[in-house]
């Protein structure tokens, strides 16, 4: 567990030290209208947003050298997996949003106004804006580094619960100082809102744990899943008239419940089929003293 402690300290440290202060200055000090000089520090803040992936690369190099870094990066381009997993990661998040809207409206209601052309037109922009941040900046860490090590010690249920909590609370600076960067901007910061967000990310983690198992540890599929989870609501809403905040909040809450059921189903399915055989390229076990102390 030393490598996991080191990863957690480094991932959180990079993000909270480099990105957190930028968000604080941008929103709390300058109220969204920062002076020009603050933008010169944007690359530093961007690096902070990549804390989990940077931590994974640093610790992989420390523990296994170039071969371990190559193993990690090769999983990032591991695209030769069954097409059903691409369908799952691209379709589940927006379908969950659509089902949530059907349940909130008790029928087609709002969805009668859905413009699929407008939604599809927004798709490339939404994906292009989302990809460089959370998906690429985090998944080498969460699914590439942390998840295999958690699964080496715990069952998928426990591993998903631990990683879901790690992922959720890493967003601390975003929760505090950047509304909309973690929890939706219409959810005021409170213990209840944080709990709902924790359920959401743990549910998404459970889905991604199953995908990780069944794609032989493809980080590419984790990146795509992360991207579609982050953009599903905006893609669906792009095809609809502007909805009132209360309506969006209700859809979000029901959507979290649907994702929780999906995550539970994935973990139950994993339990029934039993653990998958070890990955072709398991992470190198660090030798004593090679990791940064956690």
Protein backbone atom coordinates (compact mmCIF):
# COMPACT_ATOMS: atom_id res chain seq x y z
CA UNK A 1 0.00 0.00 0.00
CA UNK A 2 3.03 2.31 0.16
CA UNK A 3 2.80 3.05 -3.55
CA UNK A 4 -0.91 3.90 -3.21
CA UNK A 5 -0.24 6.22 -0.29
CA UNK A 6 2.51 7.89 -2.28
CA UNK A 7 0.24 8.22 -5.29
CA UNK A 8 -2.56 9.76 -3.21
CA UNK A 9 -0.24 12.27 -1.55
CA UNK A 10 1.36 13.29 -4.85
CA UNK A 11 -1.87 13.42 -6.87
CA UNK A 12 -3.70 15.46 -4.24
CA UNK A 13 -0.66 17.60 -3.53
CA UNK A 14 -0.07 18.59 -7.15
CA UNK A 15 -3.71 19.50 -7.69
CA UNK A 16 -4.39 21.24 -4.41
CA UNK A 17 -1.14 23.23 -4.46
CA UNK A 18 -1.04 24.17 -8.16
CA UNK A 19 -4.70 24.32 -9.21
CA UNK A 20 -6.47 25.17 -5.96
CA UNK A 21 -4.94 28.64 -5.47
CA UNK A 22 -5.70 29.58 -9.09
CA UNK A 23 -9.37 28.72 -8.63
CA UNK A 24 -9.42 30.62 -5.34
CA UNK A 25 -7.96 33.75 -6.92
CA UNK A 26 -10.15 33.50 -10.01
CA UNK A 27 -13.49 33.07 -8.23
CA UNK A 28 -13.10 34.23 -4.63
CA UNK A 29 -10.64 37.10 -4.91
CA UNK A 30 -11.43 38.42 -8.40
CA UNK A 31 -15.04 37.12 -8.69
CA UNK A 32 -14.59 35.70 -12.19
CA UNK A 33 -12.91 38.83 -13.60
CA UNK A 34 -9.20 38.17 -13.02
CA UNK A 35 -6.41 40.55 -14.06
CA UNK A 36 -4.28 39.65 -17.05
CA UNK A 37 -1.32 38.54 -14.91
CA UNK A 38 -3.30 35.65 -13.45
CA UNK A 39 -3.54 34.05 -16.90
CA UNK A 40 0.24 33.72 -17.02
CA UNK A 41 -0.13 31.14 -14.24
CA UNK A 42 -2.81 29.17 -16.14
CA UNK A 43 -0.26 26.57 -17.40
CA UNK A 44 0.73 25.88 -13.79
CA UNK A 45 -2.94 25.45 -12.88
CA UNK A 46 -3.42 23.17 -15.90
CA UNK A 47 -0.53 21.00 -14.69
CA UNK A 48 -2.23 20.82 -11.30
CA UNK A 49 -5.37 19.49 -12.99
CA UNK A 50 -3.21 16.66 -14.34
CA UNK A 51 -2.12 15.71 -10.82
CA UNK A 52 -3.28 12.04 -10.92
CA UNK A 53 -1.73 11.30 -14.32
CA UNK A 54 1.52 13.09 -13.48
CA UNK A 55 1.71 11.24 -10.15
CA UNK A 56 1.17 7.92 -11.95
CA UNK A 57 3.97 8.63 -14.44
CA UNK A 58 6.40 9.79 -11.75
CA UNK A 59 5.81 6.83 -9.46
CA UNK A 60 5.80 4.35 -12.33
CA UNK A 61 9.20 5.65 -13.40
CA UNK A 62 10.47 5.41 -9.83
CA UNK A 63 9.20 1.86 -9.32
CA UNK A 64 9.79 0.24 -12.70
CA UNK A 65 11.73 2.66 -14.86
CA UNK A 66 11.04 3.11 -18.54
CA UNK A 67 9.45 -0.31 -18.92
CA UNK A 68 6.77 0.54 -16.35
CA UNK A 69 6.09 3.91 -17.98
CA UNK A 70 5.81 2.17 -21.37
CA UNK A 71 3.38 -0.35 -19.88
CA UNK A 72 1.24 2.47 -18.54
CA UNK A 73 1.27 4.43 -21.80
CA UNK A 74 0.61 1.32 -23.91
CA UNK A 75 -2.64 0.80 -21.97
CA UNK A 76 -3.58 4.36 -22.93
CA UNK A 77 -3.68 3.35 -26.60
CA UNK A 78 -5.10 -0.16 -26.09
CA UNK A 79 -8.01 0.14 -28.53
CA UNK A 80 -8.37 -3.49 -29.67
CA UNK A 81 -11.27 -4.45 -27.41
CA UNK A 82 -14.76 -5.78 -28.11
CA UNK A 83 -17.09 -3.23 -29.68
CA UNK A 84 -19.67 -3.74 -26.93
CA UNK A 85 -17.44 -1.89 -24.49
CA UNK A 86 -17.25 1.12 -26.80
CA UNK A 87 -21.05 1.04 -27.01
CA UNK A 88 -21.30 0.89 -23.23
CA UNK A 89 -18.99 3.82 -22.51
CA UNK A 90 -20.48 6.04 -25.25
CA UNK A 91 -24.16 5.21 -24.75
CA UNK A 92 -24.66 4.55 -21.02
CA UNK A 93 -24.05 8.12 -19.74
CA UNK A 94 -26.36 9.96 -22.18
CA UNK A 95 -29.00 7.22 -21.94
CA UNK A 96 -28.95 7.55 -18.15
CA UNK A 97 -29.62 11.28 -18.55
CA UNK A 98 -32.48 10.62 -21.00
CA UNK A 99 -34.06 8.03 -18.68
CA UNK A 100 -33.72 10.44 -15.74
CA UNK A 101 -35.56 13.09 -17.76
CA UNK A 102 -38.32 10.63 -18.66
CA UNK A 103 -38.75 9.74 -14.98
CA UNK A 104 -38.76 13.36 -13.81
CA UNK A 105 -41.28 14.37 -16.51
CA UNK A 106 -43.28 11.13 -16.08
CA UNK A 107 -43.26 10.72 -19.84
CA UNK A 108 -41.83 12.31 -22.95
CA UNK A 109 -42.66 15.86 -21.82
CA UNK A 110 -39.52 17.88 -22.43
CA UNK A 111 -38.00 15.26 -24.72
CA UNK A 112 -40.69 15.96 -27.34
CA UNK A 113 -38.70 19.12 -28.07
CA UNK A 114 -35.42 17.25 -28.47
CA UNK A 115 -33.40 18.32 -31.53
CA UNK A 116 -31.01 15.47 -32.32
CA UNK A 117 -29.18 17.54 -34.95
CA UNK A 118 -28.36 20.24 -32.38
CA UNK A 119 -27.22 17.61 -29.89
CA UNK A 120 -24.95 15.87 -32.42
CA UNK A 121 -23.58 19.21 -33.57
CA UNK A 122 -22.54 19.94 -29.98
CA UNK A 123 -20.93 16.50 -29.53
CA UNK A 124 -17.46 17.18 -31.07
CA UNK A 125 -17.12 20.47 -29.21
CA UNK A 126 -18.14 18.94 -25.88
CA UNK A 127 -15.71 16.05 -26.32
CA UNK A 128 -12.85 18.28 -27.49
CA UNK A 129 -13.25 20.60 -24.50
CA UNK A 130 -13.58 17.76 -21.98
CA UNK A 131 -10.80 15.43 -23.18
CA UNK A 132 -7.67 17.43 -22.21
CA UNK A 133 -8.81 17.99 -18.65
CA UNK A 134 -10.41 15.25 -16.50
CA UNK A 135 -10.11 12.24 -18.83
CA UNK A 136 -6.47 12.55 -19.92
CA UNK A 137 -5.34 14.44 -16.83
CA UNK A 138 -6.68 11.84 -14.40
CA UNK A 139 -7.11 8.38 -15.90
CA UNK A 140 -3.45 7.35 -16.04
CA UNK A 141 -3.71 7.80 -12.29
CA UNK A 142 -7.13 6.51 -11.24
CA UNK A 143 -7.53 3.55 -13.57
CA UNK A 144 -3.95 3.17 -14.80
CA UNK A 145 -2.07 3.29 -11.49
CA UNK A 146 -4.44 3.10 -8.52
CA UNK A 147 -7.07 0.58 -9.65
CA UNK A 148 -4.70 -2.33 -10.51
CA UNK A 149 -3.01 -1.95 -7.14
CA UNK A 150 -6.33 -1.83 -5.30
CA UNK A 151 -7.55 -4.91 -7.16
CA UNK A 152 -4.36 -6.75 -6.24
CA UNK A 153 -5.38 -6.41 -2.59
CA UNK A 154 -9.18 -6.03 -2.52
CA UNK A 155 -12.24 -7.41 -4.31
CA UNK A 156 -13.91 -5.19 -6.98
CA UNK A 157 -16.52 -3.91 -4.50
CA UNK A 158 -13.99 -2.64 -1.98
CA UNK A 159 -11.60 -1.40 -4.66
CA UNK A 160 -14.39 0.61 -6.31
CA UNK A 161 -15.53 2.12 -3.00
CA UNK A 162 -11.99 3.20 -2.09
CA UNK A 163 -11.22 4.59 -5.54
CA UNK A 164 -14.59 6.34 -5.74
CA UNK A 165 -13.80 8.18 -2.50
CA UNK A 166 -10.25 9.00 -3.64
CA UNK A 167 -11.61 10.38 -6.90
CA UNK A 168 -14.42 12.39 -5.31
CA UNK A 169 -12.42 14.12 -2.56
CA UNK A 170 -9.53 14.90 -4.89
CA UNK A 171 -12.00 17.44 -6.33
CA UNK A 172 -11.92 19.40 -3.04
CA UNK A 173 -10.59 22.69 -4.52
CA UNK A 174 -13.13 22.51 -7.33
CA UNK A 175 -15.97 21.95 -4.86
CA UNK A 176 -14.85 24.93 -2.78
CA UNK A 177 -13.82 27.48 -5.38
CA UNK A 178 -14.96 26.48 -8.89
CA UNK A 179 -18.70 25.76 -9.10
CA UNK A 180 -19.43 23.45 -12.02
CA UNK A 181 -15.92 22.03 -12.26
CA UNK A 182 -16.90 19.10 -10.03
CA UNK A 183 -20.43 19.18 -8.65
CA UNK A 184 -23.00 20.92 -10.89
CA UNK A 185 -23.06 24.68 -10.40
CA UNK A 186 -26.74 24.53 -9.36
CA UNK A 187 -25.84 22.35 -6.34
CA UNK A 188 -24.84 24.59 -3.45
CA UNK A 189 -21.91 23.23 -1.45
CA UNK A 190 -23.18 21.25 1.54
CA UNK A 191 -22.60 17.91 3.22
CA UNK A 192 -25.61 16.52 1.34
CA UNK A 193 -24.30 17.75 -2.01
CA UNK A 194 -20.87 16.23 -1.33
CA UNK A 195 -22.50 12.92 -0.37
CA UNK A 196 -24.52 12.89 -3.62
CA UNK A 197 -21.37 13.64 -5.60
CA UNK A 198 -19.55 10.84 -3.78
CA UNK A 199 -22.33 8.41 -4.75
CA UNK A 200 -22.11 9.61 -8.36
CA UNK A 201 -18.36 9.12 -8.71
CA UNK A 202 -18.39 5.81 -6.85
CA UNK A 203 -21.12 4.57 -9.20
CA UNK A 204 -19.11 5.69 -12.23
CA UNK A 205 -16.06 4.01 -10.73
CA UNK A 206 -17.96 0.73 -10.42
CA UNK A 207 -18.93 0.84 -14.09
CA UNK A 208 -15.36 1.64 -15.07
CA UNK A 209 -14.01 -1.17 -12.89
CA UNK A 210 -16.04 -3.68 -14.90
CA UNK A 211 -14.85 -2.11 -18.17
CA UNK A 212 -11.27 -2.24 -16.89
CA UNK A 213 -11.59 -5.96 -16.15
CA UNK A 214 -13.26 -6.84 -19.43
CA UNK A 215 -10.92 -4.81 -21.65
CA UNK A 216 -7.77 -6.22 -20.08
CA UNK A 217 -6.90 -2.95 -18.38
CA UNK A 218 -7.44 -0.53 -21.29
CA UNK A 219 -6.93 3.02 -20.01
CA UNK A 220 -8.20 4.29 -23.36
CA UNK A 221 -11.67 2.96 -22.53
CA UNK A 222 -11.43 4.58 -19.09
CA UNK A 223 -10.57 7.91 -20.73
CA UNK A 224 -13.55 7.60 -23.09
CA UNK A 225 -15.88 6.62 -20.25
CA UNK A 226 -14.69 9.56 -18.15
CA UNK A 227 -15.24 11.89 -21.10
CA UNK A 228 -18.79 10.69 -21.79
CA UNK A 229 -19.77 10.77 -18.11
CA UNK A 230 -18.52 14.39 -17.95
CA UNK A 231 -20.34 15.52 -21.10
CA UNK A 232 -23.56 13.46 -21.15
CA UNK A 233 -25.80 16.09 -19.60
CA UNK A 234 -24.46 18.96 -21.73
CA UNK A 235 -24.81 16.91 -24.92
CA UNK A 236 -28.43 15.98 -24.17
CA UNK A 237 -29.34 19.51 -23.01
CA UNK A 238 -27.83 20.97 -26.21
CA UNK A 239 -30.78 19.44 -28.05
CA UNK A 240 -33.38 20.98 -25.73
CA UNK A 241 -34.64 24.46 -24.84
CA UNK A 242 -33.05 25.97 -21.75
CA UNK A 243 -34.46 24.17 -18.71
CA UNK A 244 -35.22 25.81 -15.34
CA UNK A 245 -32.64 25.19 -12.63
CA UNK A 246 -35.06 23.17 -10.51
CA UNK A 247 -35.78 20.88 -13.46
CA UNK A 248 -32.06 20.33 -14.11
CA UNK A 249 -31.47 19.63 -10.41
CA UNK A 250 -34.23 17.02 -10.37
CA UNK A 251 -32.83 15.34 -13.50
CA UNK A 252 -29.35 15.31 -11.98
CA UNK A 253 -30.51 13.68 -8.74
CA UNK A 254 -32.49 10.97 -10.55
CA UNK A 255 -29.53 10.46 -12.89
CA UNK A 256 -27.26 9.80 -9.90
CA UNK A 257 -29.72 7.16 -8.71
CA UNK A 258 -29.71 5.51 -12.15
CA UNK A 259 -25.91 5.49 -12.23
CA UNK A 260 -25.85 3.96 -8.75
CA UNK A 261 -28.07 1.12 -10.00
CA UNK A 262 -25.83 0.70 -13.06
CA UNK A 263 -22.73 0.57 -10.87
CA UNK A 264 -24.33 -1.95 -8.53
CA UNK A 265 -25.35 -4.10 -11.51
CA UNK A 266 -21.78 -4.02 -12.86
CA UNK A 267 -20.34 -5.12 -9.52
CA UNK A 268 -22.96 -7.87 -9.12
CA UNK A 269 -22.15 -9.08 -12.62
CA UNK A 270 -18.48 -9.10 -11.80
CA UNK A 271 -19.16 -11.10 -8.63
CA UNK A 272 -21.18 -13.72 -10.53
CA UNK A 273 -18.60 -14.26 -13.25
CA UNK A 274 -15.69 -14.23 -10.81
CA UNK A 275 -12.45 -12.31 -11.15
CA UNK A 276 -10.86 -12.04 -14.55
CA UNK A 277 -7.45 -13.66 -15.03
CA UNK A 278 -4.48 -11.38 -14.30
CA UNK A 279 -3.78 -8.64 -16.82
CA UNK A 280 -1.30 -9.36 -19.57
CA UNK A 281 0.90 -6.51 -18.33
CA UNK A 282 0.41 -6.17 -14.56
CA UNK A 283 2.05 -3.21 -12.82
CA UNK A 284 5.57 -3.77 -11.59
CA UNK A 285 5.74 -4.32 -7.85
CA UNK A 286 8.00 -1.64 -6.34
CA UNK A 287 11.02 -2.72 -4.43
CA UNK A 288 11.68 -1.37 -0.98
CA UNK A 289 12.62 2.29 -0.86
CA UNK A 290 11.94 3.21 -4.49
CA UNK A 291 8.67 5.08 -3.92
CA UNK A 292 8.32 8.55 -2.55
CA UNK A 293 7.37 8.13 1.06
CA UNK A 294 3.66 8.61 1.73
